[in-house]
Amino acid sequence: MTKNSVAELLKSGSVLQEVIIKGWVRTFRSNRFIALNDGSTINNIQCVIDFENTPEETLKRITTGAALSIKGIIAESQGKGQSVEIQVSNIEILGDSNADEYPIQPKKHSFEFLRENAHLRVRTNTFSAVMRVRSKLSFAVHKYFQDNGFNYVNTPIVTGSDAEGAGEMFRVTSFEDNKAPVTEDGKIDYTKDFFGKETNLTVSGQLEAEAYAMALGKVYTFGPTFRAENSNTTRHLAEFWMIEPEVAFMDLDGNMDLAEDFIKSVLTYVLEHCKEDLAFLDERFMQEEKTKPQLQRSEMSLLEKLKFVADNNFKRVSYTEAIDILRNCKPNKKKKFQYPINEWGADLQSEHERFLVEKHFKCPVILFDYPADIKAFYMRLNEDGKTVRAMDVLFPGIGEMVGGAQREERYDVLVEKMKAMNIDEKELWWYLDLRKFGTAVHSGFGLGFERLVQFTTGMGNIRDVIPFPRTPQNADF
């Protein structure tokens, strides 16, 4: 007899067959009804035991969190909420759970409490739903790129370059504490370190992906990245996953097309394959919105937001046009923005991005042609000498979801930009080589995977969409 999953049994709906099911107890009522869950679905299966003929010692061990193996007959359910149940013929306790010590009781827990028990929080409905959606989203990412002729490239986690120029990187060293050798001028001598130079954990695989795009044509990375930013907001993690495609011979227009098609594809996939989990998360989202002040509530449900992005064409707007809209809008004139927009060249904040999406255009927005001064060195300079071929995709409720650009393919221009931004040419000699040997127009973008999961699940804090969050002062588990 094969072991069945709860999802399979509930989906099949077949009765009068003998099955074996293994899972964890969610609840045990009246010494008779076990709600069993094995992680395959948000739904539990009810297992009905003959308590009069079940040893008292066994009944005492059926507690929330205990692992059981149950053998029985599938029957039509007499209760509400499920079509079938299991009439138990044999029960085996695989692992006990001390009811007095088990933290995840069948009641509402705060997310702060659950983060302190991150090893167990996935046993709750909310987190099991989030993590199943995350899994399906991850598969959808790979499926999209593989179906569209991209090659998956694993870029380095240890790197000597800072792709973003932000300097907020975690150092990698083999030096022992307080025993690092120093040079004559008192600086740490990294030539004696393991890699022979100063190295860090990567903030992006983009630069290396560009190298592979210039040989394989279409590539993508999907891996962990790190940022040593001392931020405790609901939007930042120290360790997170990035999706970064790079495509040779593709300009900014093609890049915007790719980003829009990719996003719509992965959201459509999860809408189709995660219906039960998304329905549960949609209900949770709407209940949470009711607790907020009226002005802060979302105008759309979670499912409406997902369909809003999946079904609407993205509006493409230049940064210059967006600044004019923002400068002349009511919230700006009435000083409702936390960061007023007064002049061209301002770095847009989330409140500005959300206004454009949710209030002005009422559809997802792609902003392009940003001021060169607020963007990275590798973005292609426009003929006006002031703007670069950058683009950001803006979502409702979250602001920027994707950041990308047509890359600067001209050797001389790139060298000048690196000098202006004090970026060491010797450190990126290989990156400059790409502009010397068969250079061509090429583009790509980066999408923080956790931000995509956060949008898709409606979770308010990014720490709740990654299994074990890494944040300042927190590296437990």
Protein backbone atom coordinates (compact mmCIF):
# COMPACT_ATOMS: atom_id res chain seq x y z
CA MET A 1 0.00 0.00 0.00
CA THR A 2 1.50 3.34 -1.05
CA LYS A 3 1.63 6.40 1.18
CA ASN A 4 -0.76 9.09 0.00
CA SER A 5 -0.56 12.86 0.42
CA VAL A 6 -3.40 14.89 1.88
CA ALA A 7 -3.59 16.91 -1.34
CA GLU A 8 -3.99 13.73 -3.42
CA LEU A 9 -6.68 12.29 -1.17
CA LEU A 10 -8.74 15.48 -1.08
CA LYS A 11 -8.38 15.98 -4.81
CA SER A 12 -9.34 12.42 -5.78
CA GLY A 13 -12.46 12.34 -3.63
CA SER A 14 -12.62 8.56 -4.07
CA VAL A 15 -14.17 6.60 -1.20
CA LEU A 16 -14.04 3.07 0.24
CA GLN A 17 -10.34 2.59 -0.49
CA GLU A 18 -7.78 1.78 2.19
CA VAL A 19 -5.00 4.35 2.57
CA ILE A 20 -1.99 5.22 4.67
CA ILE A 21 -1.42 8.88 5.45
CA LYS A 22 1.39 10.47 7.46
CA GLY A 23 1.46 13.99 8.82
CA TRP A 24 1.29 16.29 11.83
CA VAL A 25 -1.64 16.94 14.12
CA ARG A 26 -3.13 20.42 13.76
CA THR A 27 -5.97 19.81 16.21
CA PHE A 28 -7.54 16.90 18.11
CA ARG A 29 -11.16 17.35 19.20
CA SER A 30 -13.45 15.33 21.43
CA ASN A 31 -10.93 12.48 21.62
CA ARG A 32 -12.20 11.55 18.17
CA PHE A 33 -11.45 14.03 15.35
CA ILE A 34 -7.85 14.54 14.22
CA ALA A 35 -7.09 17.36 11.75
CA LEU A 36 -3.97 16.04 9.98
CA ASN A 37 -1.72 18.05 7.66
CA ASP A 38 1.35 16.89 5.75
CA GLY A 39 2.36 20.18 4.06
CA SER A 40 1.09 19.18 0.61
CA THR A 41 -1.91 21.53 0.86
CA ILE A 42 -3.29 24.22 3.12
CA ASN A 43 -6.24 21.94 3.84
CA ASN A 44 -6.26 19.34 6.61
CA ILE A 45 -7.84 15.92 6.29
CA GLN A 46 -10.14 14.81 9.09
CA CYS A 47 -9.28 11.44 10.59
CA VAL A 48 -12.02 9.89 12.75
CA ILE A 49 -10.90 7.40 15.39
CA ASP A 50 -12.89 4.88 17.35
CA PHE A 51 -11.84 6.31 20.71
CA GLU A 52 -13.68 3.67 22.73
CA ASN A 53 -11.42 0.99 21.26
CA THR A 54 -8.24 3.11 21.20
CA PRO A 55 -5.87 2.73 24.16
CA GLU A 56 -5.96 5.68 26.60
CA GLU A 57 -2.17 5.95 26.36
CA THR A 58 -2.39 6.47 22.58
CA LEU A 59 -5.13 9.11 22.91
CA LYS A 60 -2.97 11.10 25.35
CA ARG A 61 -0.12 11.17 22.82
CA ILE A 62 -2.28 12.66 20.02
CA THR A 63 -1.35 16.30 20.65
CA THR A 64 -0.87 19.36 18.41
CA GLY A 65 2.40 18.95 16.52
CA ALA A 66 2.71 15.18 16.97
CA ALA A 67 3.66 13.16 13.88
CA LEU A 68 1.32 10.28 13.07
CA SER A 69 0.97 7.42 10.61
CA ILE A 70 -2.69 6.62 10.03
CA LYS A 71 -4.22 3.69 8.19
CA GLY A 72 -7.89 3.68 7.35
CA ILE A 73 -10.73 3.80 4.86
CA ILE A 74 -11.65 6.92 2.88
CA ALA A 75 -15.32 7.74 3.47
CA GLU A 76 -17.70 10.55 2.63
CA SER A 77 -17.45 13.17 5.34
CA GLN A 78 -20.37 13.77 7.66
CA GLY A 79 -19.03 17.16 8.71
CA LYS A 80 -18.84 20.54 6.99
CA GLY A 81 -15.85 21.85 5.06
CA GLN A 82 -14.52 18.62 3.54
CA SER A 83 -15.83 16.05 1.09
CA VAL A 84 -14.00 13.03 2.49
CA GLU A 85 -12.50 11.85 5.77
CA ILE A 86 -10.57 8.84 6.99
CA GLN A 87 -12.19 6.23 9.22
CA VAL A 88 -9.10 5.15 11.17
CA SER A 89 -8.32 1.46 11.57
CA ASN A 90 -4.77 1.82 12.89
CA ILE A 91 -2.78 4.70 14.33
CA GLU A 92 0.96 4.91 15.03
CA ILE A 93 2.65 7.76 16.90
CA LEU A 94 5.83 8.52 14.94
CA GLY A 95 6.93 11.49 17.04
CA ASP A 96 5.51 12.95 20.22
CA SER A 97 4.95 16.67 20.78
CA ASN A 98 4.84 17.98 24.34
CA ALA A 99 1.68 20.08 24.46
CA ASP A 100 3.06 22.30 27.23
CA GLU A 101 6.21 23.16 25.31
CA TYR A 102 5.10 23.25 21.65
CA PRO A 103 5.02 26.96 20.62
CA ILE A 104 2.65 26.66 17.63
CA GLN A 105 -0.70 26.22 19.31
CA PRO A 106 -4.02 26.28 17.39
CA LYS A 107 -4.57 30.01 17.96
CA LYS A 108 -3.54 33.30 16.36
CA HIS A 109 0.15 34.12 16.83
CA SER A 110 1.86 37.43 16.03
CA PHE A 111 4.34 37.38 13.15
CA GLU A 112 6.99 38.71 15.56
CA PHE A 113 6.49 35.65 17.76
CA LEU A 114 6.61 33.35 14.73
CA ARG A 115 9.88 34.92 13.51
CA GLU A 116 11.37 33.90 16.87
CA ASN A 117 10.26 30.37 16.03
CA ALA A 118 11.16 30.41 12.35
CA HIS A 119 12.00 26.70 12.44
CA LEU A 120 8.37 25.91 13.30
CA ARG A 121 6.38 28.78 11.76
CA VAL A 122 5.98 26.96 8.44
CA ARG A 123 3.58 24.61 10.27
CA THR A 124 1.02 27.43 10.38
CA ASN A 125 -1.48 27.95 7.56
CA THR A 126 -0.10 31.35 6.62
CA PHE A 127 3.53 30.35 6.34
CA SER A 128 2.90 27.00 4.69
CA ALA A 129 0.84 28.86 2.07
CA VAL A 130 3.55 31.50 1.58
CA MET A 131 6.29 28.90 1.17
CA ARG A 132 4.31 26.79 -1.30
CA VAL A 133 3.67 29.93 -3.37
CA ARG A 134 7.39 30.79 -3.12
CA SER A 135 8.25 27.32 -4.41
CA LYS A 136 5.86 27.62 -7.36
CA LEU A 137 7.15 31.11 -8.17
CA SER A 138 10.72 29.82 -8.18
CA PHE A 139 9.76 27.06 -10.60
CA ALA A 140 7.88 29.57 -12.78
CA VAL A 141 11.02 31.74 -13.00
CA HIS A 142 13.15 28.86 -14.28
CA LYS A 143 10.36 27.63 -16.55
CA TYR A 144 9.96 31.03 -18.21
CA PHE A 145 13.63 31.45 -19.00
CA GLN A 146 14.18 27.83 -20.02
CA ASP A 147 11.12 27.95 -22.31
CA ASN A 148 12.48 31.12 -23.92
CA GLY A 149 15.98 29.92 -24.77
CA PHE A 150 17.93 31.36 -21.82
CA ASN A 151 20.93 29.58 -20.28
CA TYR A 152 21.10 29.40 -16.49
CA VAL A 153 24.44 30.73 -15.21
CA ASN A 154 25.75 30.40 -11.64
CA THR A 155 27.67 33.59 -10.93
CA PRO A 156 30.17 33.89 -8.04
CA ILE A 157 29.06 34.43 -4.47
CA VAL A 158 32.57 35.57 -3.48
CA THR A 159 33.61 38.57 -5.56
CA GLY A 160 36.21 41.31 -5.74
CA SER A 161 33.87 43.82 -7.42
CA ASP A 162 31.02 45.98 -6.17
CA ALA A 163 28.50 45.98 -9.01
CA GLU A 164 26.28 48.60 -7.40
CA GLY A 165 29.02 50.90 -6.16
CA ALA A 166 27.20 51.12 -2.83
CA GLY A 167 30.06 49.79 -0.70
CA GLU A 168 27.66 47.99 1.69
CA MET A 169 29.26 44.57 1.35
CA PHE A 170 30.17 41.71 3.69
CA ARG A 171 33.91 41.07 3.70
CA VAL A 172 35.24 37.56 3.11
CA THR A 173 38.61 36.84 4.73
CA SER A 174 40.68 33.99 6.15
CA PHE A 175 42.58 36.31 8.52
CA GLU A 176 42.22 35.50 12.19
CA ASP A 177 40.79 38.11 14.55
CA ASN A 178 43.22 41.00 15.14
CA LYS A 179 45.98 39.13 13.31
CA ALA A 180 45.65 40.57 9.81
CA PRO A 181 49.03 41.59 8.35
CA VAL A 182 49.39 45.26 7.48
CA THR A 183 51.33 47.19 4.85
CA GLU A 184 53.92 49.90 5.62
CA ASP A 185 51.20 52.54 5.61
CA GLY A 186 49.15 50.58 8.19
CA LYS A 187 46.46 49.20 5.88
CA ILE A 188 45.45 45.53 5.87
CA ASP A 189 47.61 43.60 3.41
CA TYR A 190 45.08 41.60 1.42
CA THR A 191 47.77 40.17 -0.84
CA LYS A 192 48.42 37.73 2.00
CA ASP A 193 44.73 36.80 2.35
CA PHE A 194 43.24 33.58 0.91
CA PHE A 195 42.29 35.08 -2.47
CA GLY A 196 45.22 37.48 -2.63
CA LYS A 197 42.95 40.51 -2.71
CA GLU A 198 40.05 42.07 -0.82
CA THR A 199 36.89 40.03 -1.42
CA ASN A 200 33.25 40.29 -0.42
CA LEU A 201 29.92 38.51 -0.69
CA THR A 202 28.24 39.54 -3.92
CA VAL A 203 25.50 42.16 -4.16
CA SER A 204 24.70 41.17 -7.75
CA GLY A 205 25.62 38.63 -10.42
CA GLN A 206 25.01 41.17 -13.19
CA LEU A 207 28.57 41.94 -14.28
CA GLU A 208 29.51 38.28 -14.60
CA ALA A 209 26.17 37.55 -16.32
CA GLU A 210 27.03 40.20 -18.90
CA ALA A 211 30.23 38.29 -19.72
CA TYR A 212 28.23 35.13 -20.38
CA ALA A 213 25.53 36.95 -22.34
CA MET A 214 28.26 38.15 -24.68
CA ALA A 215 28.99 34.51 -25.56
CA LEU A 216 25.75 32.59 -24.96
CA GLY A 217 23.36 35.33 -26.09
CA LYS A 218 20.63 34.97 -23.46
CA VAL A 219 21.44 34.08 -19.85
CA TYR A 220 19.95 34.47 -16.39
CA THR A 221 21.17 34.12 -12.83
CA PHE A 222 18.96 33.24 -9.89
CA GLY A 223 20.91 33.04 -6.68
CA PRO A 224 21.69 34.52 -3.27
CA THR A 225 23.00 38.06 -2.90
CA PHE A 226 24.04 40.03 0.17
CA ARG A 227 23.84 43.62 1.35
CA ALA A 228 25.45 44.89 4.56
CA GLU A 229 22.95 47.72 4.89
CA ASN A 230 22.06 48.36 8.52
CA SER A 231 18.36 48.65 7.80
CA ASN A 232 15.51 47.29 9.89
CA THR A 233 12.67 48.18 7.54
CA THR A 234 9.97 45.83 6.25
CA ARG A 235 11.61 45.96 2.79
CA HIS A 236 15.22 44.97 3.47
CA LEU A 237 17.14 41.75 4.08
CA ALA A 238 20.88 41.18 4.45
CA GLU A 239 20.61 37.94 2.44
CA PHE A 240 18.14 37.66 -0.43
CA TRP A 241 17.73 36.08 -3.86
CA MET A 242 18.07 37.92 -7.15
CA ILE A 243 16.77 37.10 -10.63
CA GLU A 244 19.02 38.72 -13.25
CA PRO A 245 18.64 38.08 -16.99
CA GLU A 246 21.14 39.56 -19.47
CA VAL A 247 20.62 39.51 -23.23
CA ALA A 248 23.04 40.34 -26.04
CA PHE A 249 21.83 42.48 -28.97
CA MET A 250 18.82 43.71 -26.97
CA ASP A 251 18.15 47.44 -26.42
CA LEU A 252 16.10 49.20 -23.74
CA ASP A 253 12.79 48.66 -25.56
CA GLY A 254 13.50 44.93 -25.75
CA ASN A 255 14.44 44.96 -22.07
CA MET A 256 11.12 46.54 -21.13
CA ASP A 257 9.29 43.99 -23.28
CA LEU A 258 11.16 41.14 -21.55
CA ALA A 259 10.49 42.42 -18.02
CA GLU A 260 6.76 42.87 -18.71
CA ASP A 261 6.35 39.50 -20.36
CA PHE A 262 8.34 37.74 -17.63
CA ILE A 263 6.34 39.25 -14.77
CA LYS A 264 3.00 38.53 -16.40
CA SER A 265 4.06 34.96 -17.11
CA VAL A 266 5.16 34.05 -13.57
CA LEU A 267 2.12 35.69 -11.96
CA THR A 268 -0.22 33.93 -14.38
CA TYR A 269 1.49 30.64 -13.49
CA VAL A 270 0.93 31.01 -9.74
CA LEU A 271 -2.64 32.24 -10.22
CA GLU A 272 -3.29 28.98 -12.03
CA HIS A 273 -1.28 26.61 -9.81
CA CYS A 274 -1.72 28.10 -6.31
CA LYS A 275 -5.46 28.73 -6.19
CA GLU A 276 -6.13 27.36 -2.70
CA ASP A 277 -3.13 29.03 -1.09
CA LEU A 278 -3.82 32.36 -2.81
CA ALA A 279 -7.51 32.22 -1.81
CA PHE A 280 -6.43 31.76 1.82
CA LEU A 281 -3.82 34.55 1.57
CA ASP A 282 -6.35 36.81 -0.13
CA GLU A 283 -8.74 36.39 2.81
CA ARG A 284 -5.89 36.99 5.30
CA PHE A 285 -4.87 40.13 3.36
CA MET A 286 -8.38 41.59 3.39
CA GLN A 287 -8.79 40.91 7.12
CA GLU A 288 -5.48 42.67 7.80
CA GLU A 289 -6.48 45.65 5.64
CA LYS A 290 -9.58 46.15 7.80
CA THR A 291 -7.34 46.85 10.81
CA LYS A 292 -5.65 49.80 9.03
CA PRO A 293 -6.87 53.42 8.89
CA GLN A 294 -9.17 53.99 5.91
CA LEU A 295 -6.61 56.06 3.98
CA GLN A 296 -3.97 53.34 4.27
CA ARG A 297 -6.17 50.49 3.05
CA SER A 298 -5.58 48.87 -0.30
CA GLU A 299 -8.26 49.58 -2.89
CA MET A 300 -7.78 46.07 -4.29
CA SER A 301 -7.80 42.60 -2.79
CA LEU A 302 -4.66 40.48 -3.17
CA LEU A 303 -6.09 38.49 -6.07
CA GLU A 304 -7.25 41.70 -7.75
CA LYS A 305 -3.72 43.11 -7.46
CA LEU A 306 -2.20 40.00 -9.03
CA LYS A 307 -4.68 40.05 -11.90
CA PHE A 308 -4.21 43.83 -12.21
CA VAL A 309 -0.52 43.26 -13.03
CA ALA A 310 -0.99 40.04 -15.03
CA ASP A 311 -3.80 41.40 -17.23
CA ASN A 312 -2.91 45.08 -17.79
CA ASN A 313 -0.44 46.49 -20.28
CA PHE A 314 2.36 48.34 -18.50
CA LYS A 315 2.43 52.09 -19.13
CA ARG A 316 5.84 53.34 -20.29
CA VAL A 317 6.73 56.83 -19.10
CA SER A 318 9.99 58.77 -19.20
CA TYR A 319 11.45 59.96 -15.90
CA THR A 320 11.10 63.56 -17.15
CA GLU A 321 7.37 63.13 -17.81
CA ALA A 322 6.93 61.43 -14.42
CA ILE A 323 8.64 64.34 -12.64
CA ASP A 324 6.27 66.81 -14.34
CA ILE A 325 3.27 64.72 -13.24
CA LEU A 326 4.52 64.47 -9.68
CA ARG A 327 5.52 68.12 -9.41
CA ASN A 328 2.04 69.24 -10.47
CA CYS A 329 -0.04 66.63 -8.63
CA LYS A 330 -2.29 67.51 -5.66
CA PRO A 331 -0.37 65.51 -3.00
CA ASN A 332 2.83 67.36 -3.93
CA LYS A 333 1.23 70.80 -4.10
CA LYS A 334 -0.55 70.21 -0.78
CA LYS A 335 2.71 68.90 0.73
CA LYS A 336 1.26 65.44 1.44
CA PHE A 337 4.41 63.68 0.20
CA GLN A 338 7.03 62.97 2.84
CA TYR A 339 9.63 63.80 0.17
CA PRO A 340 8.35 66.76 -1.92
CA ILE A 341 9.24 66.79 -5.62
CA ASN A 342 10.65 70.21 -6.52
CA GLU A 343 13.10 69.70 -9.35
CA TRP A 344 14.29 67.40 -12.11
CA GLY A 345 16.98 65.03 -10.87
CA ALA A 346 15.26 63.98 -7.65
CA ASP A 347 15.53 60.30 -6.71
CA LEU A 348 11.98 58.94 -6.62
CA GLN A 349 10.72 57.39 -3.40
CA SER A 350 8.21 54.58 -2.95
CA GLU A 351 5.40 57.08 -2.26
CA HIS A 352 6.00 58.73 -5.65
CA GLU A 353 6.17 55.42 -7.50
CA ARG A 354 2.95 54.18 -5.90
CA PHE A 355 1.14 57.44 -6.73
CA LEU A 356 2.01 57.00 -10.42
CA VAL A 357 0.79 53.38 -10.43
CA GLU A 358 -2.22 53.51 -8.13
CA LYS A 359 -3.60 57.02 -8.55
CA HIS A 360 -2.43 58.55 -11.82
CA PHE A 361 -2.09 55.80 -14.45
CA LYS A 362 -3.99 53.04 -12.60
CA CYS A 363 -1.83 50.33 -14.17
CA PRO A 364 1.73 49.01 -13.74
CA VAL A 365 4.29 51.59 -14.90
CA ILE A 366 7.75 51.36 -16.45
CA LEU A 367 9.82 54.51 -15.96
CA PHE A 368 12.83 54.98 -18.25
CA ASP A 369 15.63 57.41 -19.11
CA TYR A 370 16.67 58.42 -15.58
CA PRO A 371 19.23 61.12 -14.69
CA ALA A 372 22.74 59.69 -14.98
CA ASP A 373 23.70 61.13 -11.59
CA ILE A 374 21.32 58.85 -9.66
CA LYS A 375 22.06 55.62 -11.55
CA ALA A 376 24.93 53.13 -11.76
CA PHE A 377 28.08 53.50 -13.87
CA TYR A 378 27.27 50.62 -16.25
CA MET A 379 24.07 52.15 -17.68
CA ARG A 380 24.25 53.47 -21.25
CA LEU A 381 24.52 57.23 -21.52
CA ASN A 382 21.94 58.87 -23.78
CA GLU A 383 22.88 61.38 -26.46
CA ASP A 384 21.71 64.25 -24.22
CA GLY A 385 24.62 63.49 -21.88
CA LYS A 386 22.28 63.86 -18.85
CA THR A 387 20.20 60.68 -18.81
CA VAL A 388 20.89 56.96 -19.04
CA ARG A 389 18.96 54.09 -20.62
CA ALA A 390 17.67 52.85 -17.26
CA MET A 391 14.23 51.45 -16.53
CA ASP A 392 12.28 50.58 -13.38
CA VAL A 393 9.05 48.57 -13.26
CA LEU A 394 6.61 49.89 -10.65
CA PHE A 395 3.89 47.81 -8.96
CA PRO A 396 0.84 48.75 -6.89
CA GLY A 397 1.36 48.63 -3.13
CA ILE A 398 5.11 48.15 -3.37
CA GLY A 399 6.70 50.61 -5.78
CA GLU A 400 9.82 49.46 -7.61
CA MET A 401 9.81 45.76 -8.47
CA VAL A 402 12.41 45.63 -11.25
CA GLY A 403 15.48 47.75 -11.96
CA GLY A 404 17.33 47.39 -15.24
CA ALA A 405 19.08 49.13 -18.09
CA GLN A 406 20.66 48.95 -21.47
CA ARG A 407 24.33 48.52 -20.60
CA GLU A 408 27.05 50.91 -21.72
CA GLU A 409 28.72 49.01 -24.56
CA ARG A 410 31.13 51.78 -25.67
CA TYR A 411 34.61 51.33 -24.23
CA ASP A 412 35.63 55.01 -24.13
CA VAL A 413 32.36 56.18 -22.61
CA LEU A 414 32.45 53.45 -19.95
CA VAL A 415 36.03 54.36 -18.98
CA GLU A 416 35.06 58.01 -18.58
CA LYS A 417 32.05 57.11 -16.43
CA MET A 418 34.18 54.88 -14.22
CA LYS A 419 36.73 57.66 -13.74
CA ALA A 420 33.97 60.15 -12.85
CA MET A 421 32.62 57.73 -10.22
CA ASN A 422 36.08 56.76 -8.86
CA ILE A 423 35.73 53.11 -9.91
CA ASP A 424 39.07 51.31 -10.29
CA GLU A 425 39.66 50.31 -13.92
CA LYS A 426 42.23 47.71 -12.82
CA GLU A 427 39.62 45.99 -10.65
CA LEU A 428 37.20 45.67 -13.59
CA TRP A 429 39.71 45.11 -16.39
CA TRP A 430 37.81 42.03 -17.51
CA TYR A 431 34.52 43.97 -17.65
CA LEU A 432 36.17 46.57 -19.88
CA ASP A 433 37.52 43.73 -22.06
CA LEU A 434 33.93 42.90 -23.02
CA ARG A 435 33.84 46.34 -24.70
CA LYS A 436 37.09 45.67 -26.59
CA PHE A 437 36.39 42.25 -28.05
CA GLY A 438 33.14 42.08 -30.01
CA THR A 439 31.13 44.65 -28.09
CA ALA A 440 27.44 45.02 -28.87
CA VAL A 441 24.26 46.51 -27.50
CA HIS A 442 23.03 44.43 -24.57
CA SER A 443 20.58 44.83 -21.70
CA GLY A 444 19.29 43.21 -18.55
CA PHE A 445 17.49 43.73 -15.27
CA GLY A 446 17.41 42.63 -11.66
CA LEU A 447 14.39 41.54 -9.66
CA GLY A 448 14.57 40.82 -5.95
CA PHE A 449 12.82 37.48 -5.59
CA GLU A 450 11.61 38.10 -2.03
CA ARG A 451 9.97 41.34 -3.14
CA LEU A 452 8.12 39.39 -5.82
CA VAL A 453 7.05 36.77 -3.26
CA GLN A 454 5.95 39.55 -0.91
CA PHE A 455 3.78 41.11 -3.62
CA THR A 456 2.32 37.75 -4.66
CA THR A 457 1.42 36.66 -1.11
CA GLY A 458 0.34 40.04 0.28
CA MET A 459 2.70 39.77 3.25
CA GLY A 460 3.57 43.10 4.83
CA ASN A 461 7.12 42.26 5.92
CA ILE A 462 9.82 40.84 3.67
CA ARG A 463 11.15 38.80 6.62
CA ASP A 464 8.02 36.66 6.34
CA VAL A 465 8.59 35.45 2.77
CA ILE A 466 12.04 33.85 3.18
CA PRO A 467 12.48 30.70 5.30
CA PHE A 468 15.14 32.04 7.67
CA PRO A 469 15.55 35.84 7.44
CA ARG A 470 18.97 37.42 7.85
CA THR A 471 18.75 40.98 9.17
CA PRO A 472 20.86 43.24 11.42
CA GLN A 473 21.52 41.50 14.76
CA ASN A 474 19.72 38.37 13.57
CA ALA A 475 21.38 35.25 12.20
CA ASP A 476 19.55 32.61 14.20
CA PHE A 477 18.64 29.23 12.79
